[in-house]
Every structure is written in C-alpha cells, then in structure tokens.
Amino acid sequence: MSEANYLLGQKVFQIIREDIIAGKYRQREELREIAIGDELQVSRTPVREALRQLELEGLVTIVPNRGAYVVGISCQDMKDMFEIRLLLEGFCAGKAAKSATSEQLEALEEVMVLTEYHIKKGHFRQLVGLDNKFHEILYEAGGSRILEHALKNYHYYLKQARRFSLLSQGRASSSVQEHRRILEAVKAQDQKKAEDAVCQHLIHTIKNIDTYGWENISGGQKNGKN
C-alpha cells in the first residue's frame, strides 16, 4: 500500500470513528461501503480498510458475505470506561503532583483562567474544549507516556458523555470548581489530595450522567433522537 493510500485510509477511519462515537449511526446499523465512499468522495478500498480497523477497536463488526454493522459504545461500556479512568486518572494526578513542570502548571492555570471567564459569561459551549485541554495537560504532567496514551484513549471515547455532562443543568459550574481543586493540589505537590480531587471529580460526573440517563448518550442514538 502506498503512503498516499495509507494516509487516505487513516483519514476515512478517523471520520467514521468520530461519527460512530458522536452517535451519527445507530447500534446495529449497516455501514455501506458505497454510500460512505460517495459521501466522503473516496473509493471503496479506503472505506473497507477503515472498517477493518474499526472492527479491531470493537466499534464495528463485520459479518462475512453480509456487511459491516455498528457496535458503538454501549451504556455499560461507558460505565466501565469511567470506572477504569477513575482509577488511572487518580494515579496520574498523584504522579503529576510530584513531576509537573512549571510550564505544565502555567498551562493548566491558563486553561483554568479561561474556563472561569467563560463560565461567568455563560459561554458553556467553550467549556468542552477547555475541559479536554485541562485533562490532556494533566495526563502529560503525570510523566508516563503509557499512562498518558491510555487515558487519552478513554477520554476520547467518552467525549460524548463528557459533553452531555458539561452541558447539563448545573454541572458545568461544579466541574470548573473541581478542576480548580485538582490544580491547587497539584501545585501544592500534595499527591493524596490530587488523587482524591480527581476521583471526586469523576464520581460526580458519573452521578450526573446517572441522573439524566446513560441511554441518552449511548451509541444507540442518532442525531440526538431515539
């Protein structure tokens, strides 16, 4: 496979994966190579390669002589990932409290200042990107490439759940305050407090989604409707 074809396949893979995670497709919906190729203006070959990669990630199942079908991310998948993330991210925050550089602390503070500004102005849509940035910097500050990679993967797959939680009534303000507590603990190099602050932050996120229903953000949705 040429480099150009490989890069095209990766681009198609990323687009379809994003669409599945965002809930564009229903669970068990067939992904038709011709239709996707027409939509993305590519041949069937990169679409077929992308679907094979998605099957390896567990987002798609390919039935021989029938086609590819969406598996998506179920409510239980999301719950499991949040629980695993709770354990790993608490550990990461503790490591960050010991190893964060001055540049990383400054970057976290900058994100917090922007976040606090937008929450005061009621700019809730801006909070999603800033939430992503805060956690990604925290993962880097943990100083473990393997841990950072694992957490970024979980963070990505849970993006729909995190967006739903942040935009639900009252949760955004609480989340910002929890981020501030995490940062202050890391700044103080208090490993235990940093771990506890992250765990409480994620527990509150899980409880918030429990309140509104995991089914509202599962891959079984399409365009925000059941």
Protein backbone atom coordinates (compact mmCIF):
# COMPACT_ATOMS: atom_id res chain seq x y z
CA MET A 1 0.00 0.00 0.00
CA SER A 2 1.34 3.41 -0.98
CA GLU A 3 1.79 6.13 1.62
CA ALA A 4 -0.93 8.21 -0.05
CA ASN A 5 -3.44 5.34 0.15
CA TYR A 6 -2.47 4.64 3.77
CA LEU A 7 -2.98 8.29 4.76
CA LEU A 8 -6.33 8.37 2.97
CA GLY A 9 -7.40 5.21 4.77
CA GLN A 10 -6.43 6.73 8.12
CA LYS A 11 -8.43 9.86 7.35
CA VAL A 12 -11.51 7.81 6.44
CA PHE A 13 -11.04 5.70 9.59
CA GLN A 14 -10.92 8.81 11.79
CA ILE A 15 -14.03 10.30 10.19
CA ILE A 16 -16.11 7.14 10.58
CA ARG A 17 -14.87 6.58 14.13
CA GLU A 18 -15.77 10.15 15.05
CA ASP A 19 -19.25 9.70 13.54
CA ILE A 20 -19.83 6.47 15.49
CA ILE A 21 -18.71 7.98 18.79
CA ALA A 22 -20.79 11.11 18.15
CA GLY A 23 -23.89 8.94 17.67
CA LYS A 24 -24.43 9.60 13.97
CA TYR A 25 -25.10 5.90 13.41
CA ARG A 26 -27.45 3.65 15.38
CA GLN A 27 -26.20 0.48 17.02
CA ARG A 28 -26.53 -2.45 14.61
CA GLU A 29 -26.89 -0.07 11.66
CA GLU A 30 -25.19 -1.28 8.49
CA LEU A 31 -22.24 0.77 7.24
CA ARG A 32 -22.45 0.58 3.46
CA GLU A 33 -19.11 0.96 1.73
CA ILE A 34 -20.57 2.53 -1.42
CA ALA A 35 -22.67 5.08 0.48
CA ILE A 36 -19.78 6.10 2.74
CA GLY A 37 -17.42 6.28 -0.22
CA ASP A 38 -19.83 8.55 -2.08
CA GLU A 39 -20.28 10.75 0.99
CA LEU A 40 -16.52 11.10 1.55
CA GLN A 41 -15.72 11.10 -2.18
CA VAL A 42 -13.33 8.17 -1.97
CA SER A 43 -13.25 4.67 -3.46
CA ARG A 44 -14.45 1.60 -1.57
CA THR A 45 -10.88 0.47 -0.78
CA PRO A 46 -10.04 3.04 1.97
CA VAL A 47 -13.55 2.62 3.37
CA ARG A 48 -13.06 -1.15 3.57
CA GLU A 49 -9.68 -0.72 5.30
CA ALA A 50 -11.20 1.77 7.74
CA LEU A 51 -13.99 -0.65 8.64
CA ARG A 52 -11.43 -3.37 9.33
CA GLN A 53 -9.59 -1.05 11.72
CA LEU A 54 -12.86 -0.14 13.41
CA GLU A 55 -13.59 -3.83 13.91
CA LEU A 56 -10.24 -4.20 15.70
CA GLU A 57 -11.27 -1.34 18.01
CA GLY A 58 -14.58 -3.06 18.73
CA LEU A 59 -16.72 -0.28 17.24
CA VAL A 60 -17.81 -2.31 14.21
CA THR A 61 -18.49 -5.97 13.50
CA ILE A 62 -18.02 -7.41 10.00
CA VAL A 63 -20.27 -10.32 9.06
CA PRO A 64 -18.87 -12.33 6.11
CA ASN A 65 -20.97 -12.02 2.95
CA ARG A 66 -23.32 -9.59 4.67
CA GLY A 67 -21.53 -6.39 5.61
CA ALA A 68 -20.28 -4.18 8.43
CA TYR A 69 -22.51 -3.21 11.33
CA VAL A 70 -22.13 -0.64 14.09
CA VAL A 71 -21.40 -1.93 17.57
CA GLY A 72 -20.75 1.52 19.00
CA ILE A 73 -20.29 2.24 22.70
CA SER A 74 -23.00 0.89 24.98
CA CYS A 75 -24.12 2.32 28.31
CA GLN A 76 -22.21 -0.46 30.08
CA ASP A 77 -19.10 0.27 28.01
CA MET A 78 -19.22 3.90 29.13
CA LYS A 79 -19.71 2.97 32.76
CA ASP A 80 -16.78 0.55 32.59
CA MET A 81 -14.53 3.14 30.95
CA PHE A 82 -15.40 5.77 33.53
CA GLU A 83 -14.57 3.34 36.35
CA ILE A 84 -11.24 2.41 34.77
CA ARG A 85 -10.50 6.05 34.05
CA LEU A 86 -11.26 6.92 37.69
CA LEU A 87 -8.54 4.54 38.87
CA LEU A 88 -5.96 5.55 36.27
CA GLU A 89 -6.55 9.28 36.34
CA GLY A 90 -6.35 9.46 40.12
CA PHE A 91 -2.99 7.70 39.90
CA CYS A 92 -1.92 10.08 37.12
CA ALA A 93 -2.85 13.16 39.17
CA GLY A 94 -0.76 11.86 42.06
CA LYS A 95 2.21 11.48 39.72
CA ALA A 96 1.58 14.96 38.32
CA ALA A 97 1.75 16.40 41.83
CA LYS A 98 5.32 15.08 42.01
CA SER A 99 6.54 15.66 38.47
CA ALA A 100 4.62 18.54 36.84
CA THR A 101 6.92 21.16 35.31
CA SER A 102 6.48 24.90 35.78
CA GLU A 103 5.43 25.15 32.12
CA GLN A 104 2.73 22.50 32.61
CA LEU A 105 1.45 24.22 35.75
CA GLU A 106 1.31 27.53 33.88
CA ALA A 107 -0.59 25.85 31.03
CA LEU A 108 -3.09 24.36 33.47
CA GLU A 109 -3.54 27.74 35.14
CA GLU A 110 -4.12 29.40 31.78
CA VAL A 111 -6.83 26.87 30.95
CA MET A 112 -8.44 27.47 34.33
CA VAL A 113 -8.45 31.26 33.89
CA LEU A 114 -10.14 30.91 30.51
CA THR A 115 -12.60 28.37 31.89
CA GLU A 116 -13.55 30.58 34.82
CA TYR A 117 -14.02 33.52 32.45
CA HIS A 118 -16.35 31.60 30.14
CA ILE A 119 -18.39 30.13 33.00
CA LYS A 120 -19.01 33.64 34.34
CA LYS A 121 -20.10 34.78 30.90
CA GLY A 122 -22.34 31.76 30.42
CA HIS A 123 -20.34 30.55 27.40
CA PHE A 124 -20.97 26.87 28.11
CA ARG A 125 -20.10 25.64 24.61
CA GLN A 126 -16.49 26.79 25.07
CA LEU A 127 -16.13 24.64 28.18
CA VAL A 128 -15.97 21.34 26.30
CA GLY A 129 -12.72 22.19 24.51
CA LEU A 130 -11.20 23.66 27.65
CA ASP A 131 -12.16 20.55 29.62
CA ASN A 132 -10.33 18.45 27.02
CA LYS A 133 -7.26 20.66 27.26
CA PHE A 134 -7.15 20.58 31.07
CA HIS A 135 -7.20 16.80 31.23
CA GLU A 136 -4.70 16.35 28.40
CA ILE A 137 -2.17 18.63 30.11
CA LEU A 138 -2.75 16.75 33.36
CA TYR A 139 -2.04 13.45 31.59
CA GLU A 140 1.21 14.84 30.18
CA ALA A 141 2.17 16.18 33.61
CA GLY A 142 1.93 12.66 35.02
CA GLY A 143 5.18 11.90 33.23
CA SER A 144 4.21 8.44 31.95
CA ARG A 145 3.87 8.00 28.20
CA ILE A 146 1.98 4.71 28.59
CA LEU A 147 -0.44 6.16 31.15
CA GLU A 148 -0.96 9.28 29.05
CA HIS A 149 -1.79 7.21 25.96
CA ALA A 150 -4.29 5.02 27.83
CA LEU A 151 -6.06 7.99 29.43
CA LYS A 152 -6.27 9.94 26.18
CA ASN A 153 -7.95 6.95 24.56
CA TYR A 154 -10.56 6.66 27.32
CA HIS A 155 -11.04 10.43 27.29
CA TYR A 156 -11.66 10.36 23.54
CA TYR A 157 -14.16 7.50 23.62
CA LEU A 158 -16.09 9.23 26.40
CA LYS A 159 -16.24 12.59 24.64
CA GLN A 160 -19.99 12.37 24.00
CA ALA A 161 -20.66 11.54 27.65
CA ARG A 162 -18.43 14.37 28.86
CA ARG A 163 -20.09 16.87 26.51
CA PHE A 164 -23.52 15.75 27.72
CA SER A 165 -22.48 16.08 31.36
CA LEU A 166 -20.89 19.52 30.98
CA LEU A 167 -23.93 20.94 29.19
CA SER A 168 -26.46 19.52 31.65
CA GLN A 169 -28.05 21.85 34.15
CA GLY A 170 -25.76 22.95 36.99
CA ARG A 171 -22.91 20.54 36.23
CA ALA A 172 -20.63 22.97 34.38
CA SER A 173 -20.04 25.25 37.38
CA SER A 174 -19.34 22.33 39.70
CA SER A 175 -16.93 20.79 37.19
CA VAL A 176 -14.93 24.03 36.96
CA GLN A 177 -14.63 24.20 40.75
CA GLU A 178 -13.47 20.59 40.83
CA HIS A 179 -10.81 21.34 38.20
CA ARG A 180 -9.59 24.22 40.36
CA ARG A 181 -9.23 21.89 43.36
CA ILE A 182 -7.28 19.41 41.25
CA LEU A 183 -4.91 22.13 40.05
CA GLU A 184 -4.34 23.57 43.52
CA ALA A 185 -3.49 20.11 44.85
CA VAL A 186 -1.02 19.50 42.02
CA LYS A 187 0.54 22.93 42.59
CA ALA A 188 0.92 22.14 46.29
CA GLN A 189 2.59 18.83 45.35
CA ASP A 190 0.03 17.08 47.54
CA GLN A 191 -0.18 13.65 45.94
CA LYS A 192 -3.04 12.31 48.09
CA LYS A 193 -5.16 15.43 47.69
CA ALA A 194 -4.62 15.44 43.93
CA GLU A 195 -5.70 11.79 43.66
CA ASP A 196 -8.78 12.42 45.82
CA ALA A 197 -9.74 15.56 43.88
CA VAL A 198 -9.68 13.73 40.55
CA CYS A 199 -11.62 10.78 41.92
CA GLN A 200 -14.31 13.06 43.37
CA HIS A 201 -14.48 14.92 40.05
CA LEU A 202 -15.12 11.72 38.10
CA ILE A 203 -17.53 10.31 40.68
CA HIS A 204 -19.62 13.49 40.40
CA THR A 205 -19.55 13.21 36.60
CA ILE A 206 -20.78 9.61 36.78
CA LYS A 207 -23.55 10.54 39.23
CA ASN A 208 -24.63 13.40 36.99
CA ILE A 209 -24.95 11.08 33.99
CA ASP A 210 -26.79 8.54 36.16
CA THR A 211 -29.34 11.26 36.93
CA TYR A 212 -30.05 12.05 33.30
CA GLY A 213 -29.69 8.51 31.95
CA TRP A 214 -26.82 6.76 30.18
CA GLU A 215 -29.16 5.73 27.38
CA ASN A 216 -29.41 9.39 26.33
CA ILE A 217 -25.79 9.41 25.23
CA SER A 218 -25.26 5.83 24.11
CA GLY A 219 -24.35 4.89 20.58
CA GLY A 220 -27.94 3.81 20.08
CA GLN A 221 -28.89 7.39 19.35
CA LYS A 222 -28.94 9.03 16.01
CA ASN A 223 -28.87 12.80 15.62
CA GLY A 224 -29.73 13.20 19.28
CA LYS A 225 -33.02 11.24 19.00
CA ASN A 226 -34.03 7.72 19.94
